[in-house]
Amino acid sequence: MLNYVQEPISTVHRNFNVCPHCEARGEGALLSRLSEGIPMISRSDGKDFHLLLADHPLPYPIEAGSGPTREISVCFWYAYGHGRDSTRSTVVLLPSSTVKNTNIFRQIEWVADLLADELSRRRILAGFYGLQSDSLQELSY
């Protein structure tokens, strides 16, 4: 379980379109996402990794006929080390009650900070997390 009471400290660069991590490695540094009409939420330490919100938040589960959902999913793309070929993704579930009580993008910013801190420590993220209170918990599919 990832549980941070204070702000994570490993992220130097926030909310950029041109990635300092990729620039430092001499790679194409312009980041792209599935949905360009949302705020850019990205993190990097400037040398080892980058992380960015890939798409707008979606109801979870999204299957037709599943009825009202209690959670919202957000997908992040990240790379640690060299090359765009190493890009991976992770999904975080946010309880809809949390989203209703705060600005969703402020909540996603905080989740991005938690994920970036974990990425700087472990060099890889789990595929699936759930936000519970003030912490991220790794989930299985």
Protein backbone atom coordinates (compact mmCIF):
# COMPACT_ATOMS: atom_id res chain seq x y z
CA MET A 1 0.00 0.00 0.00
CA LEU A 2 1.30 3.46 -0.89
CA ASN A 3 0.50 5.84 1.93
CA TYR A 4 1.93 9.35 2.06
CA VAL A 5 0.72 11.93 4.52
CA GLN A 6 2.93 14.67 3.12
CA GLU A 7 3.58 15.61 -0.48
CA PRO A 8 5.96 13.25 -2.28
CA ILE A 9 9.28 14.96 -2.95
CA SER A 10 10.89 13.08 -5.85
CA THR A 11 9.23 15.00 -8.70
CA VAL A 12 11.10 18.03 -9.94
CA HIS A 13 9.13 18.74 -13.15
CA ARG A 14 5.33 19.05 -13.21
CA ASN A 15 2.72 19.50 -15.93
CA PHE A 16 4.95 19.82 -18.98
CA ASN A 17 4.32 19.06 -22.67
CA VAL A 18 8.01 18.73 -23.55
CA CYS A 19 9.55 16.01 -21.40
CA PRO A 20 12.83 16.83 -19.64
CA HIS A 21 13.54 13.09 -19.16
CA CYS A 22 13.30 12.43 -22.92
CA GLU A 23 15.19 15.61 -23.81
CA ALA A 24 18.08 14.62 -21.53
CA ARG A 25 18.30 11.30 -23.38
CA GLY A 26 18.20 12.90 -26.84
CA GLU A 27 14.80 11.36 -27.64
CA GLY A 28 11.65 12.98 -29.05
CA ALA A 29 10.42 15.00 -26.10
CA LEU A 30 6.92 16.13 -27.12
CA LEU A 31 4.38 14.10 -25.13
CA SER A 32 1.04 13.10 -26.65
CA ARG A 33 -2.13 11.76 -25.02
CA LEU A 34 -5.36 10.13 -26.13
CA SER A 35 -7.40 13.20 -25.16
CA GLU A 36 -5.81 16.56 -25.79
CA GLY A 37 -8.75 18.53 -24.33
CA ILE A 38 -7.86 17.79 -20.70
CA PRO A 39 -5.30 19.46 -18.43
CA MET A 40 -1.74 18.23 -18.87
CA ILE A 41 -0.87 16.29 -15.75
CA SER A 42 2.70 15.02 -16.01
CA ARG A 43 5.62 14.35 -13.70
CA SER A 44 9.34 13.71 -14.15
CA ASP A 45 12.53 13.71 -12.15
CA GLY A 46 14.26 15.08 -15.26
CA LYS A 47 16.56 12.11 -15.77
CA ASP A 48 15.08 8.65 -15.09
CA PHE A 49 11.33 8.75 -15.74
CA HIS A 50 8.20 10.53 -16.89
CA LEU A 51 4.53 9.91 -16.06
CA LEU A 52 1.48 11.50 -17.65
CA LEU A 53 -2.29 11.33 -17.59
CA ALA A 54 -3.15 9.51 -20.82
CA ASP A 55 -6.89 10.14 -21.12
CA HIS A 56 -9.84 11.81 -19.41
CA PRO A 57 -11.40 10.08 -16.38
CA LEU A 58 -13.89 7.34 -17.24
CA PRO A 59 -16.64 5.59 -15.25
CA TYR A 60 -15.61 2.17 -13.95
CA PRO A 61 -16.74 -0.32 -15.01
CA ILE A 62 -17.67 1.12 -18.39
CA GLU A 63 -19.46 -1.91 -19.84
CA ALA A 64 -22.90 -1.23 -21.28
CA GLY A 65 -25.70 -2.18 -18.93
CA SER A 66 -23.54 -2.18 -15.83
CA GLY A 67 -25.70 0.55 -14.26
CA PRO A 68 -24.44 3.47 -12.20
CA THR A 69 -20.77 3.22 -11.27
CA ARG A 70 -19.21 3.93 -7.92
CA GLU A 71 -15.72 4.50 -9.23
CA ILE A 72 -13.87 6.49 -11.86
CA SER A 73 -10.76 5.22 -13.62
CA VAL A 74 -7.78 7.26 -14.73
CA CYS A 75 -5.01 5.90 -16.93
CA PHE A 76 -1.41 7.04 -16.74
CA TRP A 77 1.41 6.28 -19.16
CA TYR A 78 4.97 6.19 -17.91
CA ALA A 79 8.50 5.36 -18.99
CA TYR A 80 11.51 4.61 -16.86
CA GLY A 81 14.89 4.74 -18.56
CA HIS A 82 15.49 4.73 -22.32
CA GLY A 83 13.11 4.70 -25.25
CA ARG A 84 9.46 5.14 -25.95
CA ASP A 85 9.29 1.38 -26.51
CA SER A 86 9.43 1.03 -22.75
CA THR A 87 6.20 3.01 -22.19
CA ARG A 88 3.82 1.24 -19.82
CA SER A 89 0.47 2.08 -18.28
CA THR A 90 -1.19 1.97 -14.90
CA VAL A 91 -4.84 2.55 -13.97
CA VAL A 92 -6.05 4.10 -10.74
CA LEU A 93 -9.64 3.82 -9.47
CA LEU A 94 -11.03 6.83 -7.64
CA PRO A 95 -14.19 6.48 -5.56
CA SER A 96 -16.91 8.69 -7.05
CA SER A 97 -17.63 10.05 -3.55
CA THR A 98 -14.07 11.42 -3.42
CA VAL A 99 -14.47 13.00 -6.83
CA LYS A 100 -17.79 14.64 -5.89
CA ASN A 101 -16.22 16.25 -2.83
CA THR A 102 -13.21 17.78 -4.59
CA ASN A 103 -12.01 18.99 -7.97
CA ILE A 104 -11.29 15.80 -9.91
CA PHE A 105 -8.17 17.17 -11.57
CA ARG A 106 -6.78 18.28 -8.21
CA GLN A 107 -7.30 14.70 -7.01
CA ILE A 108 -5.61 13.33 -10.15
CA GLU A 109 -2.66 15.71 -9.56
CA TRP A 110 -2.21 14.25 -6.09
CA VAL A 111 -2.44 10.68 -7.45
CA ALA A 112 0.20 11.58 -10.08
CA ASP A 113 2.49 12.75 -7.26
CA LEU A 114 2.02 9.46 -5.41
CA LEU A 115 2.67 7.41 -8.55
CA ALA A 116 5.76 9.44 -9.47
CA ASP A 117 7.18 8.95 -6.00
CA GLU A 118 6.57 5.19 -6.22
CA LEU A 119 8.08 5.06 -9.71
CA SER A 120 11.23 6.80 -8.51
CA ARG A 121 11.57 4.21 -5.73
CA ARG A 122 10.69 1.00 -7.60
CA ARG A 123 11.30 1.87 -11.28
CA ILE A 124 8.01 0.17 -12.20
CA LEU A 125 4.36 0.53 -11.20
CA ALA A 126 1.66 -2.06 -10.72
CA GLY A 127 -0.97 -2.20 -13.44
CA PHE A 128 -3.92 -1.39 -11.18
CA TYR A 129 -4.38 0.70 -8.02
CA GLY A 130 -7.32 1.86 -5.95
CA LEU A 131 -7.42 5.11 -4.00
CA GLN A 132 -8.58 4.50 -0.47
CA SER A 133 -8.64 7.47 1.87
CA ASP A 134 -5.14 8.97 1.61
CA SER A 135 -3.36 6.01 0.04
CA LEU A 136 -3.05 3.95 -3.12
CA GLN A 137 -3.49 0.22 -2.77
CA GLU A 138 -2.34 -2.22 -5.43
CA LEU A 139 -5.31 -4.19 -6.80
CA SER A 140 -5.56 -7.34 -8.86
CA TYR A 141 -7.77 -7.48 -11.95
